[in-house]
C-alpha atoms as a PDB file:
ATOM      1  CA  UNK A   1    -132.461  72.183-108.859  1.00  0.00           C
ATOM      2  CA  UNK A   2    -131.230  70.219-111.882  1.00  0.00           C
ATOM      3  CA  UNK A   3    -133.963  67.606-111.685  1.00  0.00           C
ATOM      4  CA  UNK A   4    -136.718  70.191-111.404  1.00  0.00           C
ATOM      5  CA  UNK A   5    -135.346  72.252-114.276  1.00  0.00           C
ATOM      6  CA  UNK A   6    -134.960  69.276-116.598  1.00  0.00           C
ATOM      7  CA  UNK A   7    -138.520  68.139-115.886  1.00  0.00           C
ATOM      8  CA  UNK A   8    -139.723  71.469-117.295  1.00  0.00           C
ATOM      9  CA  UNK A   9    -137.883  70.930-120.581  1.00  0.00           C
ATOM     10  CA  UNK A  10    -141.042  69.886-122.409  1.00  0.00           C
ATOM     11  CA  UNK A  11    -143.202  72.697-121.023  1.00  0.00           C
ATOM     12  CA  UNK A  12    -143.792  75.473-123.556  1.00  0.00           C
ATOM     13  CA  UNK A  13    -142.194  78.857-122.999  1.00  0.00           C
ATOM     14  CA  UNK A  14    -145.565  80.624-122.990  1.00  0.00           C
ATOM     15  CA  UNK A  15    -146.845  78.250-120.287  1.00  0.00           C
ATOM     16  CA  UNK A  16    -143.729  78.887-118.185  1.00  0.00           C
ATOM     17  CA  UNK A  17    -144.140  82.649-118.545  1.00  0.00           C
ATOM     18  CA  UNK A  18    -147.798  82.519-117.528  1.00  0.00           C
ATOM     19  CA  UNK A  19    -146.918  80.216-114.654  1.00  0.00           C
ATOM     20  CA  UNK A  20    -144.202  82.546-113.389  1.00  0.00           C
ATOM     21  CA  UNK A  21    -146.463  85.607-113.581  1.00  0.00           C
ATOM     22  CA  UNK A  22    -149.232  83.788-111.714  1.00  0.00           C
ATOM     23  CA  UNK A  23    -146.921  82.617-108.924  1.00  0.00           C
ATOM     24  CA  UNK A  24    -145.246  86.021-108.594  1.00  0.00           C
ATOM     25  CA  UNK A  25    -148.586  87.842-108.345  1.00  0.00           C
ATOM     26  CA  UNK A  26    -149.961  85.165-105.967  1.00  0.00           C
ATOM     27  CA  UNK A  27    -152.799  84.494-108.406  1.00  0.00           C
ATOM     28  CA  UNK A  28    -151.703  80.859-108.201  1.00  0.00           C
ATOM     29  CA  UNK A  29    -151.299  79.416-104.726  1.00  0.00           C
ATOM     30  CA  UNK A  30    -148.298  77.406-103.669  1.00  0.00           C
ATOM     31  CA  UNK A  31    -147.547  74.580-103.172  1.00  0.00           C
ATOM     32  CA  UNK A  32    -148.654  74.046-106.775  1.00  0.00           C
ATOM     33  CA  UNK A  33    -151.134  71.239-107.434  1.00  0.00           C
ATOM     34  CA  UNK A  34    -152.883  69.907-110.509  1.00  0.00           C
ATOM     35  CA  UNK A  35    -156.155  71.267-109.139  1.00  0.00           C
ATOM     36  CA  UNK A  36    -154.771  74.788-108.651  1.00  0.00           C
ATOM     37  CA  UNK A  37    -153.206  74.774-112.129  1.00  0.00           C
ATOM     38  CA  UNK A  38    -156.475  73.756-113.787  1.00  0.00           C
ATOM     39  CA  UNK A  39    -158.415  76.316-111.736  1.00  0.00           C
ATOM     40  CA  UNK A  40    -155.998  79.033-112.909  1.00  0.00           C
ATOM     41  CA  UNK A  41    -156.431  77.967-116.542  1.00  0.00           C
ATOM     42  CA  UNK A  42    -153.285  75.899-117.194  1.00  0.00           C
ATOM     43  CA  UNK A  43    -154.497  72.564-118.530  1.00  0.00           C
ATOM     44  CA  UNK A  44    -151.576  71.284-120.563  1.00  0.00           C
ATOM     45  CA  UNK A  45    -148.309  69.627-119.459  1.00  0.00           C
ATOM     46  CA  UNK A  46    -149.624  69.314-115.912  1.00  0.00           C
ATOM     47  CA  UNK A  47    -147.485  66.290-115.017  1.00  0.00           C
ATOM     48  CA  UNK A  48    -144.231  68.041-115.914  1.00  0.00           C
ATOM     49  CA  UNK A  49    -145.188  71.195-114.004  1.00  0.00           C
ATOM     50  CA  UNK A  50    -146.334  69.422-110.862  1.00  0.00           C
ATOM     51  CA  UNK A  51    -143.309  67.089-110.896  1.00  0.00           C
ATOM     52  CA  UNK A  52    -141.031  70.127-110.901  1.00  0.00           C
ATOM     53  CA  UNK A  53    -142.900  72.404-108.488  1.00  0.00           C
ATOM     54  CA  UNK A  54    -144.973  70.229-106.165  1.00  0.00           C
ATOM     55  CA  UNK A  55    -144.144  70.771-102.502  1.00  0.00           C
ATOM     56  CA  UNK A  56    -142.033  73.884-103.062  1.00  0.00           C
ATOM     57  CA  UNK A  57    -142.593  77.324-101.582  1.00  0.00           C
ATOM     58  CA  UNK A  58    -143.498  80.330-103.737  1.00  0.00           C
ATOM     59  CA  UNK A  59    -139.911  81.621-103.805  1.00  0.00           C
ATOM     60  CA  UNK A  60    -138.537  78.192-104.676  1.00  0.00           C
ATOM     61  CA  UNK A  61    -141.071  77.810-107.491  1.00  0.00           C
ATOM     62  CA  UNK A  62    -140.071  81.191-108.896  1.00  0.00           C
ATOM     63  CA  UNK A  63    -136.402  80.213-108.772  1.00  0.00           C
ATOM     64  CA  UNK A  64    -137.045  76.922-110.573  1.00  0.00           C
ATOM     65  CA  UNK A  65    -139.112  78.535-113.333  1.00  0.00           C
ATOM     66  CA  UNK A  66    -136.606  81.392-113.695  1.00  0.00           C
ATOM     67  CA  UNK A  67    -133.750  78.945-114.230  1.00  0.00           C
ATOM     68  CA  UNK A  68    -135.739  77.137-116.911  1.00  0.00           C
ATOM     69  CA  UNK A  69    -136.607  80.400-118.679  1.00  0.00           C
ATOM     70  CA  UNK A  70    -133.059  81.748-118.526  1.00  0.00           C
ATOM     71  CA  UNK A  71    -131.593  78.534-119.930  1.00  0.00           C
ATOM     72  CA  UNK A  72    -134.160  78.483-122.714  1.00  0.00           C
ATOM     73  CA  UNK A  73    -133.549  82.130-123.613  1.00  0.00           C
ATOM     74  CA  UNK A  74    -129.832  81.439-124.006  1.00  0.00           C
ATOM     75  CA  UNK A  75    -130.284  78.722-126.571  1.00  0.00           C
ATOM     76  CA  UNK A  76    -133.623  78.837-128.306  1.00  0.00           C
ATOM     77  CA  UNK A  77    -135.081  82.345-128.585  1.00  0.00           C
ATOM     78  CA  UNK A  78    -134.894  83.711-132.124  1.00  0.00           C
ATOM     79  CA  UNK A  79    -134.973  87.332-133.127  1.00  0.00           C
ATOM     80  CA  UNK A  80    -137.596  88.433-134.027  1.00  0.00           C
ATOM     81  CA  UNK A  81    -139.497  86.589-131.305  1.00  0.00           C
ATOM     82  CA  UNK A  82    -142.505  84.391-132.016  1.00  0.00           C
ATOM     83  CA  UNK A  83    -145.474  85.189-129.756  1.00  0.00           C
ATOM     84  CA  UNK A  84    -148.427  82.848-129.250  1.00  0.00           C
ATOM     85  CA  UNK A  85    -151.815  82.489-127.595  1.00  0.00           C
ATOM     86  CA  UNK A  86    -153.431  79.089-127.182  1.00  0.00           C
ATOM     87  CA  UNK A  87    -152.553  75.408-126.841  1.00  0.00           C
ATOM     88  CA  UNK A  88    -149.073  74.249-127.848  1.00  0.00           C
ATOM     89  CA  UNK A  89    -147.104  71.079-128.337  1.00  0.00           C
ATOM     90  CA  UNK A  90    -144.321  69.915-126.028  1.00  0.00           C
ATOM     91  CA  UNK A  91    -141.212  72.065-125.936  1.00  0.00           C
ATOM     92  CA  UNK A  92    -142.733  74.964-127.868  1.00  0.00           C
ATOM     93  CA  UNK A  93    -140.637  78.106-127.436  1.00  0.00           C
ATOM     94  CA  UNK A  94    -143.043  80.859-128.502  1.00  0.00           C
ATOM     95  CA  UNK A  95    -143.642  83.566-125.906  1.00  0.00           C
ATOM     96  CA  UNK A  96    -147.025  84.226-124.321  1.00  0.00           C
ATOM     97  CA  UNK A  97    -149.086  87.069-125.797  1.00  0.00           C
ATOM     98  CA  UNK A  98    -150.379  88.479-122.515  1.00  0.00           C
ATOM     99  CA  UNK A  99    -146.942  88.352-120.886  1.00  0.00           C
ATOM    100  CA  UNK A 100    -145.257  90.082-123.832  1.00  0.00           C
ATOM    101  CA  UNK A 101    -147.879  92.827-123.938  1.00  0.00           C
ATOM    102  CA  UNK A 102    -147.663  93.442-120.198  1.00  0.00           C
ATOM    103  CA  UNK A 103    -143.878  93.587-120.401  1.00  0.00           C
ATOM    104  CA  UNK A 104    -144.017  96.131-123.212  1.00  0.00           C
ATOM    105  CA  UNK A 105    -146.371  98.391-121.276  1.00  0.00           C
ATOM    106  CA  UNK A 106    -144.391  98.119-118.037  1.00  0.00           C
ATOM    107  CA  UNK A 107    -141.074  98.887-119.745  1.00  0.00           C
ATOM    108  CA  UNK A 108    -142.251 102.000-121.629  1.00  0.00           C
ATOM    109  CA  UNK A 109    -140.378 105.212-120.898  1.00  0.00           C
ATOM    110  CA  UNK A 110    -141.754 107.761-123.351  1.00  0.00           C
ATOM    111  CA  UNK A 111    -144.564 106.941-125.782  1.00  0.00           C
ATOM    112  CA  UNK A 112    -146.772 103.958-126.545  1.00  0.00           C
ATOM    113  CA  UNK A 113    -148.691 103.779-129.821  1.00  0.00           C
ATOM    114  CA  UNK A 114    -151.478 101.239-129.934  1.00  0.00           C
ATOM    115  CA  UNK A 115    -153.627 100.352-132.928  1.00  0.00           C
ATOM    116  CA  UNK A 116    -156.507  98.061-132.120  1.00  0.00           C
ATOM    117  CA  UNK A 117    -159.542  96.560-133.765  1.00  0.00           C
ATOM    118  CA  UNK A 118    -161.405  95.002-130.851  1.00  0.00           C
ATOM    119  CA  UNK A 119    -161.323  95.969-127.166  1.00  0.00           C
ATOM    120  CA  UNK A 120    -163.708  93.896-125.079  1.00  0.00           C
ATOM    121  CA  UNK A 121    -163.483  94.468-121.316  1.00  0.00           C
ATOM    122  CA  UNK A 122    -159.760  95.122-121.796  1.00  0.00           C
ATOM    123  CA  UNK A 123    -159.278  96.622-118.341  1.00  0.00           C
ATOM    124  CA  UNK A 124    -156.816  93.978-117.157  1.00  0.00           C
ATOM    125  CA  UNK A 125    -154.923  94.161-120.463  1.00  0.00           C
ATOM    126  CA  UNK A 126    -154.551  97.959-120.281  1.00  0.00           C
ATOM    127  CA  UNK A 127    -154.035  98.332-116.513  1.00  0.00           C
ATOM    128  CA  UNK A 128    -150.217  97.977-116.711  1.00  0.00           C
ATOM    129  CA  UNK A 129    -150.125 100.749-119.307  1.00  0.00           C
ATOM    130  CA  UNK A 130    -152.140 103.104-117.125  1.00  0.00           C
ATOM    131  CA  UNK A 131    -149.814 102.393-114.205  1.00  0.00           C
ATOM    132  CA  UNK A 132    -146.790 103.242-116.344  1.00  0.00           C
ATOM    133  CA  UNK A 133    -148.431 106.453-117.582  1.00  0.00           C
ATOM    134  CA  UNK A 134    -149.242 107.498-114.019  1.00  0.00           C
ATOM    135  CA  UNK A 135    -145.855 106.618-112.542  1.00  0.00           C
ATOM    136  CA  UNK A 136    -143.542 107.792-115.341  1.00  0.00           C
ATOM    137  CA  UNK A 137    -145.529 110.275-117.386  1.00  0.00           C
ATOM    138  CA  UNK A 138    -145.526 107.987-120.422  1.00  0.00           C
ATOM    139  CA  UNK A 139    -147.785 109.216-123.231  1.00  0.00           C
ATOM    140  CA  UNK A 140    -150.148 106.850-125.014  1.00  0.00           C
ATOM    141  CA  UNK A 141    -151.800 107.282-128.399  1.00  0.00           C
ATOM    142  CA  UNK A 142    -154.617 104.911-129.315  1.00  0.00           C
ATOM    143  CA  UNK A 143    -156.019 104.400-132.798  1.00  0.00           C
ATOM    144  CA  UNK A 144    -159.430 102.878-132.104  1.00  0.00           C
ATOM    145  CA  UNK A 145    -161.834 101.199-134.476  1.00  0.00           C
ATOM    146  CA  UNK A 146    -165.400 102.459-134.254  1.00  0.00           C
ATOM    147  CA  UNK A 147    -168.290 101.008-136.221  1.00  0.00           C
ATOM    148  CA  UNK A 148    -169.732 103.162-138.931  1.00  0.00           C
ATOM    149  CA  UNK A 149    -173.273 104.412-138.187  1.00  0.00           C
ATOM    150  CA  UNK A 150    -176.197 102.988-140.131  1.00  0.00           C
ATOM    151  CA  UNK A 151    -177.551 106.477-140.656  1.00  0.00           C
ATOM    152  CA  UNK A 152    -175.749 109.806-140.643  1.00  0.00           C
ATOM    153  CA  UNK A 153    -175.614 111.847-137.433  1.00  0.00           C
ATOM    154  CA  UNK A 154    -175.655 115.634-137.137  1.00  0.00           C
ATOM    155  CA  UNK A 155    -172.958 116.620-136.558  1.00  0.00           C
ATOM    156  CA  UNK A 156    -171.105 113.520-137.843  1.00  0.00           C
ATOM    157  CA  UNK A 157    -168.528 113.770-135.029  1.00  0.00           C
ATOM    158  CA  UNK A 158    -171.244 113.021-132.474  1.00  0.00           C
ATOM    159  CA  UNK A 159    -171.167 109.362-133.475  1.00  0.00           C
ATOM    160  CA  UNK A 160    -167.416 109.189-132.820  1.00  0.00           C
ATOM    161  CA  UNK A 161    -167.683 110.932-129.455  1.00  0.00           C
ATOM    162  CA  UNK A 162    -170.366 108.481-128.294  1.00  0.00           C
ATOM    163  CA  UNK A 163    -168.355 105.478-129.501  1.00  0.00           C
ATOM    164  CA  UNK A 164    -165.121 106.648-127.876  1.00  0.00           C
ATOM    165  CA  UNK A 165    -166.914 107.504-124.641  1.00  0.00           C
ATOM    166  CA  UNK A 166    -168.249 103.950-124.553  1.00  0.00           C
ATOM    167  CA  UNK A 167    -164.742 102.675-125.283  1.00  0.00           C
ATOM    168  CA  UNK A 168    -163.307 104.502-122.259  1.00  0.00           C
ATOM    169  CA  UNK A 169    -166.142 103.438-119.989  1.00  0.00           C
ATOM    170  CA  UNK A 170    -165.662  99.768-120.866  1.00  0.00           C
ATOM    171  CA  UNK A 171    -161.880  99.618-121.046  1.00  0.00           C
ATOM    172  CA  UNK A 172    -160.340 102.556-119.134  1.00  0.00           C
ATOM    173  CA  UNK A 173    -161.974 102.770-115.683  1.00  0.00           C
ATOM    174  CA  UNK A 174    -158.749 103.994-114.079  1.00  0.00           C
ATOM    175  CA  UNK A 175    -159.274 107.714-114.556  1.00  0.00           C
ATOM    176  CA  UNK A 176    -156.466 110.074-115.578  1.00  0.00           C
ATOM    177  CA  UNK A 177    -154.061 110.075-117.240  1.00  0.00           C
ATOM    178  CA  UNK A 178    -155.931 109.141-120.418  1.00  0.00           C
ATOM    179  CA  UNK A 179    -154.594 108.050-123.792  1.00  0.00           C
ATOM    180  CA  UNK A 180    -154.992 110.347-126.768  1.00  0.00           C
ATOM    181  CA  UNK A 181    -157.737 108.785-128.890  1.00  0.00           C
ATOM    182  CA  UNK A 182    -157.957 108.844-132.688  1.00  0.00           C
ATOM    183  CA  UNK A 183    -160.346 107.204-135.127  1.00  0.00           C
ATOM    184  CA  UNK A 184    -160.565 106.717-138.883  1.00  0.00           C
ATOM    185  CA  UNK A 185    -162.493 109.705-140.205  1.00  0.00           C
ATOM    186  CA  UNK A 186    -164.354 107.406-142.621  1.00  0.00           C
ATOM    187  CA  UNK A 187    -166.025 105.825-139.575  1.00  0.00           C
ATOM    188  CA  UNK A 188    -168.376 108.769-138.961  1.00  0.00           C
ATOM    189  CA  UNK A 189    -170.333 108.287-142.187  1.00  0.00           C
ATOM    190  CA  UNK A 190    -172.681 105.423-143.115  1.00  0.00           C
ATOM    191  CA  UNK A 191    -170.875 102.353-144.518  1.00  0.00           C
ATOM    192  CA  UNK A 192    -170.752 102.962-148.242  1.00  0.00           C
ATOM    193  CA  UNK A 193    -168.042 101.794-148.669  1.00  0.00           C
ATOM    194  CA  UNK A 194    -167.499  99.789-145.487  1.00  0.00           C
ATOM    195  CA  UNK A 195    -164.145 100.153-143.725  1.00  0.00           C
ATOM    196  CA  UNK A 196    -162.624  99.155-140.391  1.00  0.00           C
ATOM    197  CA  UNK A 197    -159.434  99.852-138.497  1.00  0.00           C
ATOM    198  CA  UNK A 198    -158.288  96.242-138.308  1.00  0.00           C
ATOM    199  CA  UNK A 199    -154.677  96.658-137.158  1.00  0.00           C
ATOM    200  CA  UNK A 200    -153.497  95.048-133.927  1.00  0.00           C
ATOM    201  CA  UNK A 201    -150.081  96.358-132.998  1.00  0.00           C
ATOM    202  CA  UNK A 202    -148.053  98.223-130.390  1.00  0.00           C
ATOM    203  CA  UNK A 203    -144.986 100.446-130.728  1.00  0.00           C
ATOM    204  CA  UNK A 204    -143.039 101.291-127.565  1.00  0.00           C
ATOM    205  CA  UNK A 205    -140.614 104.225-127.445  1.00  0.00           C
ATOM    206  CA  UNK A 206    -139.978 103.859-131.205  1.00  0.00           C
ATOM    207  CA  UNK A 207    -137.680 100.960-130.235  1.00  0.00           C
ATOM    208  CA  UNK A 208    -139.839  97.838-130.082  1.00  0.00           C
ATOM    209  CA  UNK A 209    -142.800  96.753-132.163  1.00  0.00           C
ATOM    210  CA  UNK A 210    -145.360  94.031-131.529  1.00  0.00           C
ATOM    211  CA  UNK A 211    -147.684  92.915-134.316  1.00  0.00           C
ATOM    212  CA  UNK A 212    -150.260  90.227-133.610  1.00  0.00           C
ATOM    213  CA  UNK A 213    -153.486  88.652-134.750  1.00  0.00           C
ATOM    214  CA  UNK A 214    -154.682  88.925-131.118  1.00  0.00           C
ATOM    215  CA  UNK A 215    -157.206  91.601-130.232  1.00  0.00           C
ATOM    216  CA  UNK A 216    -157.004  93.505-126.954  1.00  0.00           C
ATOM    217  CA  UNK A 217    -159.408  91.147-125.232  1.00  0.00           C
ATOM    218  CA  UNK A 218    -158.959  88.445-122.627  1.00  0.00           C
ATOM    219  CA  UNK A 219    -160.026  85.903-125.235  1.00  0.00           C
ATOM    220  CA  UNK A 220    -157.389  87.109-127.683  1.00  0.00           C
ATOM    221  CA  UNK A 221    -154.729  87.246-124.976  1.00  0.00           C
ATOM    222  CA  UNK A 222    -155.444  83.924-123.285  1.00  0.00           C
ATOM    223  CA  UNK A 223    -157.816  81.534-125.065  1.00  0.00           C
ATOM    224  CA  UNK A 224    -157.817  81.821-128.851  1.00  0.00           C
ATOM    225  CA  UNK A 225    -155.105  80.528-131.129  1.00  0.00           C
ATOM    226  CA  UNK A 226    -153.261  83.716-132.086  1.00  0.00           C
ATOM    227  CA  UNK A 227    -149.815  84.403-133.490  1.00  0.00           C
ATOM    228  CA  UNK A 228    -147.646  87.504-133.366  1.00  0.00           C
ATOM    229  CA  UNK A 229    -144.116  88.779-133.670  1.00  0.00           C
ATOM    230  CA  UNK A 230    -142.071  90.963-131.290  1.00  0.00           C
ATOM    231  CA  UNK A 231    -139.300  92.936-132.948  1.00  0.00           C
ATOM    232  CA  UNK A 232    -136.462  94.592-131.035  1.00  0.00           C
ATOM    233  CA  UNK A 233    -135.644  96.647-134.106  1.00  0.00           C
ATOM    234  CA  UNK A 234    -135.571 100.419-133.642  1.00  0.00           C
ATOM    235  CA  UNK A 235    -135.485 101.135-137.400  1.00  0.00           C
ATOM    236  CA  UNK A 236    -138.652  99.122-137.988  1.00  0.00           C
ATOM    237  CA  UNK A 237    -140.323 100.468-134.829  1.00  0.00           C
ATOM    238  CA  UNK A 238    -139.646 104.068-135.879  1.00  0.00           C
ATOM    239  CA  UNK A 239    -141.017 103.310-139.338  1.00  0.00           C
ATOM    240  CA  UNK A 240    -144.209 101.797-137.908  1.00  0.00           C
ATOM    241  CA  UNK A 241    -144.624 104.674-135.460  1.00  0.00           C
ATOM    242  CA  UNK A 242    -144.252 107.212-138.258  1.00  0.00           C
ATOM    243  CA  UNK A 243    -146.775 105.297-140.367  1.00  0.00           C
ATOM    244  CA  UNK A 244    -149.359 105.784-137.634  1.00  0.00           C
ATOM    245  CA  UNK A 245    -148.450 109.364-136.785  1.00  0.00           C
ATOM    246  CA  UNK A 246    -148.520 110.358-140.447  1.00  0.00           C
ATOM    247  CA  UNK A 247    -152.242 109.578-140.426  1.00  0.00           C
ATOM    248  CA  UNK A 248    -152.672 112.358-137.875  1.00  0.00           C
ATOM    249  CA  UNK A 249    -150.534 114.785-139.866  1.00  0.00           C
ATOM    250  CA  UNK A 250    -152.512 114.069-143.034  1.00  0.00           C
ATOM    251  CA  UNK A 251    -155.895 114.420-141.300  1.00  0.00           C
ATOM    252  CA  UNK A 252    -156.831 110.841-142.178  1.00  0.00           C
ATOM    253  CA  UNK A 253    -157.646 110.103-138.557  1.00  0.00           C
ATOM    254  CA  UNK A 254    -159.425 112.515-136.229  1.00  0.00           C
ATOM    255  CA  UNK A 255    -158.908 113.165-132.502  1.00  0.00           C
ATOM    256  CA  UNK A 256    -161.530 112.705-129.848  1.00  0.00           C
ATOM    257  CA  UNK A 257    -163.620 115.866-129.593  1.00  0.00           C
ATOM    258  CA  UNK A 258    -165.693 117.649-126.985  1.00  0.00           C
ATOM    259  CA  UNK A 259    -165.353 116.482-123.375  1.00  0.00           C
ATOM    260  CA  UNK A 260    -163.296 113.484-124.496  1.00  0.00           C
ATOM    261  CA  UNK A 261    -160.572 115.763-125.795  1.00  0.00           C
ATOM    262  CA  UNK A 262    -160.288 117.279-122.331  1.00  0.00           C
ATOM    263  CA  UNK A 263    -159.832 113.851-120.816  1.00  0.00           C
ATOM    264  CA  UNK A 264    -157.103 112.831-123.222  1.00  0.00           C
END
């Protein structure tokens, strides 16, 4: 085991986390080969990965990667944690954006607050959250950016209802339970002045907070160069949660209306 673990020393933490998730879910076949790694989307540090894992069964591969991750967590993981999407140099210790986000959703016990600018076919990103809501009764509150209309609608809320309906159709095909949806009330009037809800963050159970440049898209989670920070700081997480919820209390964001309200 020592030789395999040491050969992974130069492989970035985010690559190891993605690799482990792929092997565990059987998205990546074993024995691992260069061809299967490239087909899955891992194109960096192939020699080190194949040297460590080639010829091993799925369970053995998981054990090897787990040892490498545990050893690295003991010695090199700062707090707050650096989170990254995209290519990295050898030995990089940032965590993988998609893995961190999935872990946050899967670990939720009470309430998830999500503020997002762009959701593009985010079904796979949001699926773990829906599963947690269904299995544990976790509540979710989404603050969603919608584009301001070019011309006014009558009533103005009709524009928001159409935009949020399209949001659910594209990104939440799972059915109930649904997240509670809110939008910036300025977004239902023509853009003078222009404004967007540009935040990209998650608060889980008022205990952990994740703030990132990455949108809730596969591109933002897997292909772009994005940077974020994961904070295991309940004081900060409560503060961020209250910042969002105070928008509701002050009437600065509006809830989904009509049939959408019944869904949420």
